[in-house]
Amino acid sequence: LAGRVAGAGMTDVTAAQDVAEALALARASRADNESILVTGSFLTVAGA
């Protein structure tokens, strides 16, 4: 998925094994003025 997102021209793209790991990475790196959006599938929201 990260390869396809980067291929669409996006930058600062990280890969995670699953949604739980992705949430941990997003929380660890976000700034105070940033929020976290979880999206893309029912499976993604259910995983969160």
ModelCIF file with pLDDT and N, C-alpha, C, O atoms, coordinates in Angstrom:
data_MODEL
#
_entry.id   MODEL 
#
_entity.id                         1 
_entity.type                       polymer 
_entity.pdbx_number_of_molecules   1 
#
_entity_poly.entity_id                      1 
_entity_poly.type                           'polypeptide(L)' 
_entity_poly.nstd_linkage                   no 
_entity_poly.nstd_monomer                   no 
_entity_poly.pdbx_seq_one_letter_code       LAGRVAGAGMTDVTAAQDVAEALALARASRADNESILVTGSFLTVAGA 
_entity_poly.pdbx_seq_one_letter_code_can   LAGRVAGAGMTDVTAAQDVAEALALARASRADNESILVTGSFLTVAGA 
_entity_poly.pdbx_strand_id                 A 
#
loop_
_entity_poly_seq.entity_id 
_entity_poly_seq.num 
_entity_poly_seq.mon_id 
_entity_poly_seq.hetero 
1 1  LEU n 
1 2  ALA n 
1 3  GLY n 
1 4  ARG n 
1 5  VAL n 
1 6  ALA n 
1 7  GLY n 
1 8  ALA n 
1 9  GLY n 
1 10 MET n 
1 11 THR n 
1 12 ASP n 
1 13 VAL n 
1 14 THR n 
1 15 ALA n 
1 16 ALA n 
1 17 GLN n 
1 18 ASP n 
1 19 VAL n 
1 20 ALA n 
1 21 GLU n 
1 22 ALA n 
1 23 LEU n 
1 24 ALA n 
1 25 LEU n 
1 26 ALA n 
1 27 ARG n 
1 28 ALA n 
1 29 SER n 
1 30 ARG n 
1 31 ALA n 
1 32 ASP n 
1 33 ASN n 
1 34 GLU n 
1 35 SER n 
1 36 ILE n 
1 37 LEU n 
1 38 VAL n 
1 39 THR n 
1 40 GLY n 
1 41 SER n 
1 42 PHE n 
1 43 LEU n 
1 44 THR n 
1 45 VAL n 
1 46 ALA n 
1 47 GLY n 
1 48 ALA n 
#
_struct_asym.id          A 
_struct_asym.entity_id   1 
#
loop_
_ma_qa_metric.id 
_ma_qa_metric.mode 
_ma_qa_metric.name 
_ma_qa_metric.software_group_id 
_ma_qa_metric.type 
1 global pLDDT . pLDDT 
2 local  pLDDT . pLDDT 
#
_ma_qa_metric_global.metric_id      1 
_ma_qa_metric_global.metric_value   94.50 
_ma_qa_metric_global.model_id       1 
_ma_qa_metric_global.ordinal_id     1 
#
loop_
_ma_qa_metric_local.label_asym_id 
_ma_qa_metric_local.label_comp_id 
_ma_qa_metric_local.label_seq_id 
_ma_qa_metric_local.metric_id 
_ma_qa_metric_local.metric_value 
_ma_qa_metric_local.model_id 
_ma_qa_metric_local.ordinal_id 
A LEU 1  2 97.00 1 1  
A ALA 2  2 97.00 1 2  
A GLY 3  2 97.00 1 3  
A ARG 4  2 97.00 1 4  
A VAL 5  2 97.00 1 5  
A ALA 6  2 97.00 1 6  
A GLY 7  2 96.00 1 7  
A ALA 8  2 96.00 1 8  
A GLY 9  2 95.00 1 9  
A MET 10 2 96.00 1 10 
A THR 11 2 94.00 1 11 
A ASP 12 2 94.00 1 12 
A VAL 13 2 96.00 1 13 
A THR 14 2 96.00 1 14 
A ALA 15 2 97.00 1 15 
A ALA 16 2 97.00 1 16 
A GLN 17 2 97.00 1 17 
A ASP 18 2 96.00 1 18 
A VAL 19 2 97.00 1 19 
A ALA 20 2 97.00 1 20 
A GLU 21 2 97.00 1 21 
A ALA 22 2 97.00 1 22 
A LEU 23 2 96.00 1 23 
A ALA 24 2 96.00 1 24 
A LEU 25 2 96.00 1 25 
A ALA 26 2 95.00 1 26 
A ARG 27 2 94.00 1 27 
A ALA 28 2 92.00 1 28 
A SER 29 2 85.00 1 29 
A ARG 30 2 86.00 1 30 
A ALA 31 2 84.00 1 31 
A ASP 32 2 81.00 1 32 
A ASN 33 2 82.00 1 33 
A GLU 34 2 88.00 1 34 
A SER 35 2 92.00 1 35 
A ILE 36 2 96.00 1 36 
A LEU 37 2 97.00 1 37 
A VAL 38 2 97.00 1 38 
A THR 39 2 98.00 1 39 
A GLY 40 2 97.00 1 40 
A SER 41 2 96.00 1 41 
A PHE 42 2 94.00 1 42 
A LEU 43 2 95.00 1 43 
A THR 44 2 97.00 1 44 
A VAL 45 2 97.00 1 45 
A ALA 46 2 95.00 1 46 
A GLY 47 2 95.00 1 47 
A ALA 48 2 95.00 1 48 
#
loop_
_atom_site.group_PDB 
_atom_site.id 
_atom_site.type_symbol 
_atom_site.label_atom_id 
_atom_site.label_alt_id 
_atom_site.label_comp_id 
_atom_site.label_asym_id 
_atom_site.label_entity_id 
_atom_site.label_seq_id 
_atom_site.pdbx_PDB_ins_code 
_atom_site.Cartn_x 
_atom_site.Cartn_y 
_atom_site.Cartn_z 
_atom_site.occupancy 
_atom_site.B_iso_or_equiv 
_atom_site.pdbx_formal_charge 
_atom_site.auth_seq_id 
_atom_site.auth_comp_id 
_atom_site.auth_asym_id 
_atom_site.auth_atom_id 
_atom_site.pdbx_PDB_model_num 
ATOM 1   N N  . LEU A 1 1  ? 0.828   -1.196 0.000  1.00 97.00 ? 1  LEU A N  1 
ATOM 2   C CA . LEU A 1 1  ? 0.000   0.000  0.000  1.00 97.00 ? 1  LEU A CA 1 
ATOM 3   C C  . LEU A 1 1  ? 0.867   1.253  0.000  1.00 97.00 ? 1  LEU A C  1 
ATOM 4   O O  . LEU A 1 1  ? 0.571   2.212  -0.712 1.00 97.00 ? 1  LEU A O  1 
ATOM 5   N N  . ALA A 1 2  ? 1.935   1.250  0.792  1.00 97.00 ? 2  ALA A N  1 
ATOM 6   C CA . ALA A 1 2  ? 2.824   2.416  0.843  1.00 97.00 ? 2  ALA A CA 1 
ATOM 7   C C  . ALA A 1 2  ? 3.439   2.682  -0.524 1.00 97.00 ? 2  ALA A C  1 
ATOM 8   O O  . ALA A 1 2  ? 3.614   3.838  -0.908 1.00 97.00 ? 2  ALA A O  1 
ATOM 9   N N  . GLY A 1 3  ? 3.768   1.624  -1.262 1.00 97.00 ? 3  GLY A N  1 
ATOM 10  C CA . GLY A 1 3  ? 4.320   1.800  -2.596 1.00 97.00 ? 3  GLY A CA 1 
ATOM 11  C C  . GLY A 1 3  ? 3.338   2.465  -3.537 1.00 97.00 ? 3  GLY A C  1 
ATOM 12  O O  . GLY A 1 3  ? 3.723   3.307  -4.348 1.00 97.00 ? 3  GLY A O  1 
ATOM 13  N N  . ARG A 1 4  ? 2.069   2.093  -3.435 1.00 97.00 ? 4  ARG A N  1 
ATOM 14  C CA . ARG A 1 4  ? 1.056   2.708  -4.304 1.00 97.00 ? 4  ARG A CA 1 
ATOM 15  C C  . ARG A 1 4  ? 0.788   4.160  -3.901 1.00 97.00 ? 4  ARG A C  1 
ATOM 16  O O  . ARG A 1 4  ? 0.592   5.021  -4.759 1.00 97.00 ? 4  ARG A O  1 
ATOM 17  N N  . VAL A 1 5  ? 0.782   4.426  -2.601 1.00 97.00 ? 5  VAL A N  1 
ATOM 18  C CA . VAL A 1 5  ? 0.557   5.804  -2.139 1.00 97.00 ? 5  VAL A CA 1 
ATOM 19  C C  . VAL A 1 5  ? 1.717   6.701  -2.563 1.00 97.00 ? 5  VAL A C  1 
ATOM 20  O O  . VAL A 1 5  ? 1.500   7.811  -3.050 1.00 97.00 ? 5  VAL A O  1 
ATOM 21  N N  . ALA A 1 6  ? 2.942   6.227  -2.381 1.00 97.00 ? 6  ALA A N  1 
ATOM 22  C CA . ALA A 1 6  ? 4.112   7.003  -2.807 1.00 97.00 ? 6  ALA A CA 1 
ATOM 23  C C  . ALA A 1 6  ? 4.119   7.173  -4.321 1.00 97.00 ? 6  ALA A C  1 
ATOM 24  O O  . ALA A 1 6  ? 4.498   8.226  -4.834 1.00 97.00 ? 6  ALA A O  1 
ATOM 25  N N  . GLY A 1 7  ? 3.695   6.125  -5.034 1.00 96.00 ? 7  GLY A N  1 
ATOM 26  C CA . GLY A 1 7  ? 3.631   6.202  -6.492 1.00 96.00 ? 7  GLY A CA 1 
ATOM 27  C C  . GLY A 1 7  ? 2.623   7.211  -6.989 1.00 96.00 ? 7  GLY A C  1 
ATOM 28  O O  . GLY A 1 7  ? 2.708   7.670  -8.129 1.00 96.00 ? 7  GLY A O  1 
ATOM 29  N N  . ALA A 1 8  ? 1.654   7.567  -6.131 1.00 96.00 ? 8  ALA A N  1 
ATOM 30  C CA . ALA A 1 8  ? 0.664   8.586  -6.493 1.00 96.00 ? 8  ALA A CA 1 
ATOM 31  C C  . ALA A 1 8  ? 1.164   9.991  -6.197 1.00 96.00 ? 8  ALA A C  1 
ATOM 32  O O  . ALA A 1 8  ? 0.427   10.965 -6.352 1.00 96.00 ? 8  ALA A O  1 
ATOM 33  N N  . GLY A 1 9  ? 2.430   10.096 -5.767 1.00 95.00 ? 9  GLY A N  1 
ATOM 34  C CA . GLY A 1 9  ? 3.022   11.409 -5.547 1.00 95.00 ? 9  GLY A CA 1 
ATOM 35  C C  . GLY A 1 9  ? 3.044   11.871 -4.107 1.00 95.00 ? 9  GLY A C  1 
ATOM 36  O O  . GLY A 1 9  ? 3.412   13.015 -3.840 1.00 95.00 ? 9  GLY A O  1 
ATOM 37  N N  . MET A 1 10 ? 2.656   11.005 -3.155 1.00 96.00 ? 10 MET A N  1 
ATOM 38  C CA . MET A 1 10 ? 2.634   11.402 -1.757 1.00 96.00 ? 10 MET A CA 1 
ATOM 39  C C  . MET A 1 10 ? 4.035   11.271 -1.148 1.00 96.00 ? 10 MET A C  1 
ATOM 40  O O  . MET A 1 10 ? 4.826   10.428 -1.570 1.00 96.00 ? 10 MET A O  1 
ATOM 41  N N  . THR A 1 11 ? 4.325   12.097 -0.171 1.00 94.00 ? 11 THR A N  1 
ATOM 42  C CA . THR A 1 11 ? 5.602   12.046 0.547  1.00 94.00 ? 11 THR A CA 1 
ATOM 43  C C  . THR A 1 11 ? 5.338   11.761 2.022  1.00 94.00 ? 11 THR A C  1 
ATOM 44  O O  . THR A 1 11 ? 4.197   11.811 2.482  1.00 94.00 ? 11 THR A O  1 
ATOM 45  N N  . ASP A 1 12 ? 6.412   11.461 2.759  1.00 94.00 ? 12 ASP A N  1 
ATOM 46  C CA . ASP A 1 12 ? 6.340   11.090 4.180  1.00 94.00 ? 12 ASP A CA 1 
ATOM 47  C C  . ASP A 1 12 ? 5.375   9.927  4.360  1.00 94.00 ? 12 ASP A C  1 
ATOM 48  O O  . ASP A 1 12 ? 4.386   10.026 5.087  1.00 94.00 ? 12 ASP A O  1 
ATOM 49  N N  . VAL A 1 13 ? 5.682   8.818  3.683  1.00 96.00 ? 13 VAL A N  1 
ATOM 50  C CA . VAL A 1 13 ? 4.841   7.626  3.687  1.00 96.00 ? 13 VAL A CA 1 
ATOM 51  C C  . VAL A 1 13 ? 5.567   6.517  4.437  1.00 96.00 ? 13 VAL A C  1 
ATOM 52  O O  . VAL A 1 13 ? 6.709   6.193  4.109  1.00 96.00 ? 13 VAL A O  1 
ATOM 53  N N  . THR A 1 14 ? 4.921   5.935  5.434  1.00 96.00 ? 14 THR A N  1 
ATOM 54  C CA . THR A 1 14 ? 5.481   4.861  6.249  1.00 96.00 ? 14 THR A CA 1 
ATOM 55  C C  . THR A 1 14 ? 4.578   3.640  6.139  1.00 96.00 ? 14 THR A C  1 
ATOM 56  O O  . THR A 1 14 ? 3.365   3.776  5.982  1.00 96.00 ? 14 THR A O  1 
ATOM 57  N N  . ALA A 1 15 ? 5.161   2.453  6.220  1.00 97.00 ? 15 ALA A N  1 
ATOM 58  C CA . ALA A 1 15 ? 4.397   1.210  6.183  1.00 97.00 ? 15 ALA A CA 1 
ATOM 59  C C  . ALA A 1 15 ? 4.331   0.589  7.570  1.00 97.00 ? 15 ALA A C  1 
ATOM 60  O O  . ALA A 1 15 ? 5.268   0.694  8.361  1.00 97.00 ? 15 ALA A O  1 
ATOM 61  N N  . ALA A 1 16 ? 3.193   -0.066 7.851  1.00 97.00 ? 16 ALA A N  1 
ATOM 62  C CA . ALA A 1 16 ? 3.005   -0.776 9.117  1.00 97.00 ? 16 ALA A CA 1 
ATOM 63  C C  . ALA A 1 16 ? 2.399   -2.135 8.822  1.00 97.00 ? 16 ALA A C  1 
ATOM 64  O O  . ALA A 1 16 ? 1.722   -2.321 7.811  1.00 97.00 ? 16 ALA A O  1 
ATOM 65  N N  . GLN A 1 17 ? 2.646   -3.076 9.707  1.00 97.00 ? 17 GLN A N  1 
ATOM 66  C CA . GLN A 1 17 ? 2.156   -4.430 9.492  1.00 97.00 ? 17 GLN A CA 1 
ATOM 67  C C  . GLN A 1 17 ? 0.632   -4.490 9.546  1.00 97.00 ? 17 GLN A C  1 
ATOM 68  O O  . GLN A 1 17 ? 0.011   -5.186 8.742  1.00 97.00 ? 17 GLN A O  1 
ATOM 69  N N  . ASP A 1 18 ? 0.035   -3.774 10.476 1.00 96.00 ? 18 ASP A N  1 
ATOM 70  C CA . ASP A 1 18 ? -1.416  -3.799 10.634 1.00 96.00 ? 18 ASP A CA 1 
ATOM 71  C C  . ASP A 1 18 ? -1.881  -2.456 11.191 1.00 96.00 ? 18 ASP A C  1 
ATOM 72  O O  . ASP A 1 18 ? -1.083  -1.540 11.388 1.00 96.00 ? 18 ASP A O  1 
ATOM 73  N N  . VAL A 1 19 ? -3.180  -2.356 11.439 1.00 97.00 ? 19 VAL A N  1 
ATOM 74  C CA . VAL A 1 19 ? -3.740  -1.082 11.876 1.00 97.00 ? 19 VAL A CA 1 
ATOM 75  C C  . VAL A 1 19 ? -3.232  -0.700 13.259 1.00 97.00 ? 19 VAL A C  1 
ATOM 76  O O  . VAL A 1 19 ? -2.952  0.473  13.507 1.00 97.00 ? 19 VAL A O  1 
ATOM 77  N N  . ALA A 1 20 ? -3.108  -1.660 14.156 1.00 97.00 ? 20 ALA A N  1 
ATOM 78  C CA . ALA A 1 20 ? -2.629  -1.357 15.505 1.00 97.00 ? 20 ALA A CA 1 
ATOM 79  C C  . ALA A 1 20 ? -1.232  -0.747 15.463 1.00 97.00 ? 20 ALA A C  1 
ATOM 80  O O  . ALA A 1 20 ? -0.966  0.242  16.146 1.00 97.00 ? 20 ALA A O  1 
ATOM 81  N N  . GLU A 1 21 ? -0.348  -1.327 14.673 1.00 97.00 ? 21 GLU A N  1 
ATOM 82  C CA . GLU A 1 21 ? 1.004   -0.774 14.554 1.00 97.00 ? 21 GLU A CA 1 
ATOM 83  C C  . GLU A 1 21 ? 0.970   0.594  13.881 1.00 97.00 ? 21 GLU A C  1 
ATOM 84  O O  . GLU A 1 21 ? 1.719   1.491  14.268 1.00 97.00 ? 21 GLU A O  1 
ATOM 85  N N  . ALA A 1 22 ? 0.120   0.762  12.891 1.00 97.00 ? 22 ALA A N  1 
ATOM 86  C CA . ALA A 1 22 ? 0.013   2.053  12.212 1.00 97.00 ? 22 ALA A CA 1 
ATOM 87  C C  . ALA A 1 22 ? -0.452  3.141  13.173 1.00 97.00 ? 22 ALA A C  1 
ATOM 88  O O  . ALA A 1 22 ? 0.054   4.262  13.126 1.00 97.00 ? 22 ALA A O  1 
ATOM 89  N N  . LEU A 1 23 ? -1.404  2.825  14.038 1.00 96.00 ? 23 LEU A N  1 
ATOM 90  C CA . LEU A 1 23 ? -1.863  3.798  15.025 1.00 96.00 ? 23 LEU A CA 1 
ATOM 91  C C  . LEU A 1 23 ? -0.737  4.194  15.977 1.00 96.00 ? 23 LEU A C  1 
ATOM 92  O O  . LEU A 1 23 ? -0.574  5.370  16.303 1.00 96.00 ? 23 LEU A O  1 
ATOM 93  N N  . ALA A 1 24 ? 0.029   3.214  16.414 1.00 96.00 ? 24 ALA A N  1 
ATOM 94  C CA . ALA A 1 24 ? 1.135   3.510  17.324 1.00 96.00 ? 24 ALA A CA 1 
ATOM 95  C C  . ALA A 1 24 ? 2.157   4.424  16.658 1.00 96.00 ? 24 ALA A C  1 
ATOM 96  O O  . ALA A 1 24 ? 2.664   5.352  17.289 1.00 96.00 ? 24 ALA A O  1 
ATOM 97  N N  . LEU A 1 25 ? 2.459   4.171  15.395 1.00 96.00 ? 25 LEU A N  1 
ATOM 98  C CA . LEU A 1 25 ? 3.417   5.015  14.679 1.00 96.00 ? 25 LEU A CA 1 
ATOM 99  C C  . LEU A 1 25 ? 2.874   6.427  14.500 1.00 96.00 ? 25 LEU A C  1 
ATOM 100 O O  . LEU A 1 25 ? 3.609   7.401  14.668 1.00 96.00 ? 25 LEU A O  1 
ATOM 101 N N  . ALA A 1 26 ? 1.593   6.544  14.159 1.00 95.00 ? 26 ALA A N  1 
ATOM 102 C CA . ALA A 1 26 ? 1.003   7.867  13.954 1.00 95.00 ? 26 ALA A CA 1 
ATOM 103 C C  . ALA A 1 26 ? 0.985   8.669  15.249 1.00 95.00 ? 26 ALA A C  1 
ATOM 104 O O  . ALA A 1 26 ? 1.264   9.868  15.248 1.00 95.00 ? 26 ALA A O  1 
ATOM 105 N N  . ARG A 1 27 ? 0.657   8.009  16.345 1.00 94.00 ? 27 ARG A N  1 
ATOM 106 C CA . ARG A 1 27 ? 0.606   8.705  17.632 1.00 94.00 ? 27 ARG A CA 1 
ATOM 107 C C  . ARG A 1 27 ? 1.999   9.138  18.085 1.00 94.00 ? 27 ARG A C  1 
ATOM 108 O O  . ARG A 1 27 ? 2.162   10.202 18.683 1.00 94.00 ? 27 ARG A O  1 
ATOM 109 N N  . ALA A 1 28 ? 2.985   8.321  17.802 1.00 92.00 ? 28 ALA A N  1 
ATOM 110 C CA . ALA A 1 28 ? 4.342   8.625  18.260 1.00 92.00 ? 28 ALA A CA 1 
ATOM 111 C C  . ALA A 1 28 ? 4.956   9.805  17.532 1.00 92.00 ? 28 ALA A C  1 
ATOM 112 O O  . ALA A 1 28 ? 5.837   10.479 18.067 1.00 92.00 ? 28 ALA A O  1 
ATOM 113 N N  . SER A 1 29 ? 4.492   10.062 16.304 1.00 85.00 ? 29 SER A N  1 
ATOM 114 C CA . SER A 1 29 ? 5.163   11.070 15.484 1.00 85.00 ? 29 SER A CA 1 
ATOM 115 C C  . SER A 1 29 ? 4.369   12.346 15.274 1.00 85.00 ? 29 SER A C  1 
ATOM 116 O O  . SER A 1 29 ? 4.888   13.287 14.674 1.00 85.00 ? 29 SER A O  1 
ATOM 117 N N  . ARG A 1 30 ? 3.133   12.416 15.743 1.00 86.00 ? 30 ARG A N  1 
ATOM 118 C CA . ARG A 1 30 ? 2.315   13.583 15.416 1.00 86.00 ? 30 ARG A CA 1 
ATOM 119 C C  . ARG A 1 30 ? 2.716   14.791 16.258 1.00 86.00 ? 30 ARG A C  1 
ATOM 120 O O  . ARG A 1 30 ? 3.197   14.652 17.383 1.00 86.00 ? 30 ARG A O  1 
ATOM 121 N N  . ALA A 1 31 ? 2.510   15.965 15.696 1.00 84.00 ? 31 ALA A N  1 
ATOM 122 C CA . ALA A 1 31 ? 2.741   17.228 16.402 1.00 84.00 ? 31 ALA A CA 1 
ATOM 123 C C  . ALA A 1 31 ? 1.469   17.641 17.132 1.00 84.00 ? 31 ALA A C  1 
ATOM 124 O O  . ALA A 1 31 ? 0.404   17.062 16.919 1.00 84.00 ? 31 ALA A O  1 
ATOM 125 N N  . ASP A 1 32 ? 1.590   18.655 18.000 1.00 81.00 ? 32 ASP A N  1 
ATOM 126 C CA . ASP A 1 32 ? 0.454   19.085 18.811 1.00 81.00 ? 32 ASP A CA 1 
ATOM 127 C C  . ASP A 1 32 ? -0.705  19.609 17.975 1.00 81.00 ? 32 ASP A C  1 
ATOM 128 O O  . ASP A 1 32 ? -1.863  19.505 18.380 1.00 81.00 ? 32 ASP A O  1 
ATOM 129 N N  . ASN A 1 33 ? -0.398  20.171 16.812 1.00 82.00 ? 33 ASN A N  1 
ATOM 130 C CA . ASN A 1 33 ? -1.460  20.761 15.979 1.00 82.00 ? 33 ASN A CA 1 
ATOM 131 C C  . ASN A 1 33 ? -1.972  19.784 14.927 1.00 82.00 ? 33 ASN A C  1 
ATOM 132 O O  . ASN A 1 33 ? -2.633  20.191 13.972 1.00 82.00 ? 33 ASN A O  1 
ATOM 133 N N  . GLU A 1 34 ? -1.673  18.510 15.091 1.00 88.00 ? 34 GLU A N  1 
ATOM 134 C CA . GLU A 1 34 ? -2.090  17.502 14.122 1.00 88.00 ? 34 GLU A CA 1 
ATOM 135 C C  . GLU A 1 34 ? -3.068  16.521 14.770 1.00 88.00 ? 34 GLU A C  1 
ATOM 136 O O  . GLU A 1 34 ? -3.007  16.252 15.969 1.00 88.00 ? 34 GLU A O  1 
ATOM 137 N N  . SER A 1 35 ? -3.966  15.998 13.942 1.00 92.00 ? 35 SER A N  1 
ATOM 138 C CA . SER A 1 35 ? -4.921  14.983 14.374 1.00 92.00 ? 35 SER A CA 1 
ATOM 139 C C  . SER A 1 35 ? -4.687  13.715 13.554 1.00 92.00 ? 35 SER A C  1 
ATOM 140 O O  . SER A 1 35 ? -3.947  13.725 12.571 1.00 92.00 ? 35 SER A O  1 
ATOM 141 N N  . ILE A 1 36 ? -5.320  12.638 13.969 1.00 96.00 ? 36 ILE A N  1 
ATOM 142 C CA . ILE A 1 36 ? -5.150  11.349 13.289 1.00 96.00 ? 36 ILE A CA 1 
ATOM 143 C C  . ILE A 1 36 ? -6.467  10.948 12.637 1.00 96.00 ? 36 ILE A C  1 
ATOM 144 O O  . ILE A 1 36 ? -7.507  10.877 13.291 1.00 96.00 ? 36 ILE A O  1 
ATOM 145 N N  . LEU A 1 37 ? -6.399  10.691 11.344 1.00 97.00 ? 37 LEU A N  1 
ATOM 146 C CA . LEU A 1 37 ? -7.535  10.204 10.571 1.00 97.00 ? 37 LEU A CA 1 
ATOM 147 C C  . LEU A 1 37 ? -7.271  8.761  10.193 1.00 97.00 ? 37 LEU A C  1 
ATOM 148 O O  . LEU A 1 37 ? -6.218  8.443  9.641  1.00 97.00 ? 37 LEU A O  1 
ATOM 149 N N  . VAL A 1 38 ? -8.225  7.879  10.486 1.00 97.00 ? 38 VAL A N  1 
ATOM 150 C CA . VAL A 1 38 ? -8.142  6.460  10.125 1.00 97.00 ? 38 VAL A CA 1 
ATOM 151 C C  . VAL A 1 38 ? -9.192  6.211  9.053  1.00 97.00 ? 38 VAL A C  1 
ATOM 152 O O  . VAL A 1 38 ? -10.377 6.456  9.278  1.00 97.00 ? 38 VAL A O  1 
ATOM 153 N N  . THR A 1 39 ? -8.766  5.726  7.886  1.00 98.00 ? 39 THR A N  1 
ATOM 154 C CA . THR A 1 39 ? -9.731  5.627  6.786  1.00 98.00 ? 39 THR A CA 1 
ATOM 155 C C  . THR A 1 39 ? -9.296  4.581  5.765  1.00 98.00 ? 39 THR A C  1 
ATOM 156 O O  . THR A 1 39 ? -8.210  4.009  5.865  1.00 98.00 ? 39 THR A O  1 
ATOM 157 N N  . GLY A 1 40 ? -10.168 4.340  4.774  1.00 97.00 ? 40 GLY A N  1 
ATOM 158 C CA . GLY A 1 40 ? -9.835  3.494  3.636  1.00 97.00 ? 40 GLY A CA 1 
ATOM 159 C C  . GLY A 1 40 ? -10.648 2.231  3.503  1.00 97.00 ? 40 GLY A C  1 
ATOM 160 O O  . GLY A 1 40 ? -10.707 1.653  2.417  1.00 97.00 ? 40 GLY A O  1 
ATOM 161 N N  . SER A 1 41 ? -11.296 1.770  4.605  1.00 96.00 ? 41 SER A N  1 
ATOM 162 C CA . SER A 1 41 ? -12.007 0.498  4.531  1.00 96.00 ? 41 SER A CA 1 
ATOM 163 C C  . SER A 1 41 ? -12.759 0.261  5.837  1.00 96.00 ? 41 SER A C  1 
ATOM 164 O O  . SER A 1 41 ? -12.384 0.797  6.879  1.00 96.00 ? 41 SER A O  1 
ATOM 165 N N  . PHE A 1 42 ? -13.820 -0.542 5.779  1.00 94.00 ? 42 PHE A N  1 
ATOM 166 C CA . PHE A 1 42 ? -14.438 -1.045 6.993  1.00 94.00 ? 42 PHE A CA 1 
ATOM 167 C C  . PHE A 1 42 ? -13.409 -1.785 7.838  1.00 94.00 ? 42 PHE A C  1 
ATOM 168 O O  . PHE A 1 42 ? -13.399 -1.655 9.062  1.00 94.00 ? 42 PHE A O  1 
ATOM 169 N N  . LEU A 1 43 ? -12.545 -2.559 7.190  1.00 95.00 ? 43 LEU A N  1 
ATOM 170 C CA . LEU A 1 43 ? -11.541 -3.330 7.929  1.00 95.00 ? 43 LEU A CA 1 
ATOM 171 C C  . LEU A 1 43 ? -10.573 -2.429 8.670  1.00 95.00 ? 43 LEU A C  1 
ATOM 172 O O  . LEU A 1 43 ? -10.130 -2.772 9.766  1.00 95.00 ? 43 LEU A O  1 
ATOM 173 N N  . THR A 1 44 ? -10.235 -1.290 8.100  1.00 97.00 ? 44 THR A N  1 
ATOM 174 C CA . THR A 1 44 ? -9.320  -0.353 8.743  1.00 97.00 ? 44 THR A CA 1 
ATOM 175 C C  . THR A 1 44 ? -9.962  0.249  9.982  1.00 97.00 ? 44 THR A C  1 
ATOM 176 O O  . THR A 1 44 ? -9.336  0.310  11.040 1.00 97.00 ? 44 THR A O  1 
ATOM 177 N N  . VAL A 1 45 ? -11.203 0.693  9.859  1.00 97.00 ? 45 VAL A N  1 
ATOM 178 C CA . VAL A 1 45 ? -11.905 1.267  11.002 1.00 97.00 ? 45 VAL A CA 1 
ATOM 179 C C  . VAL A 1 45 ? -12.110 0.218  12.069 1.00 97.00 ? 45 VAL A C  1 
ATOM 180 O O  . VAL A 1 45 ? -11.914 0.496  13.252 1.00 97.00 ? 45 VAL A O  1 
ATOM 181 N N  . ALA A 1 46 ? -12.504 -0.995 11.673 1.00 95.00 ? 46 ALA A N  1 
ATOM 182 C CA . ALA A 1 46 ? -12.695 -2.075 12.663 1.00 95.00 ? 46 ALA A CA 1 
ATOM 183 C C  . ALA A 1 46 ? -11.385 -2.372 13.382 1.00 95.00 ? 46 ALA A C  1 
ATOM 184 O O  . ALA A 1 46 ? -11.383 -2.585 14.594 1.00 95.00 ? 46 ALA A O  1 
ATOM 185 N N  . GLY A 1 47 ? -10.269 -2.390 12.653 1.00 95.00 ? 47 GLY A N  1 
ATOM 186 C CA . GLY A 1 47 ? -8.976  -2.630 13.280 1.00 95.00 ? 47 GLY A CA 1 
ATOM 187 C C  . GLY A 1 47 ? -8.634  -1.562 14.296 1.00 95.00 ? 47 GLY A C  1 
ATOM 188 O O  . GLY A 1 47 ? -8.068  -1.861 15.349 1.00 95.00 ? 47 GLY A O  1 
ATOM 189 N N  . ALA A 1 48 ? -8.973  -0.311 13.989 1.00 95.00 ? 48 ALA A N  1 
ATOM 190 C CA . ALA A 1 48 ? -8.711  0.772  14.931 1.00 95.00 ? 48 ALA A CA 1 
ATOM 191 C C  . ALA A 1 48 ? -9.584  0.646  16.183 1.00 95.00 ? 48 ALA A C  1 
ATOM 192 O O  . ALA A 1 48 ? -9.493  1.479  17.085 1.00 95.00 ? 48 ALA A O  1 
#
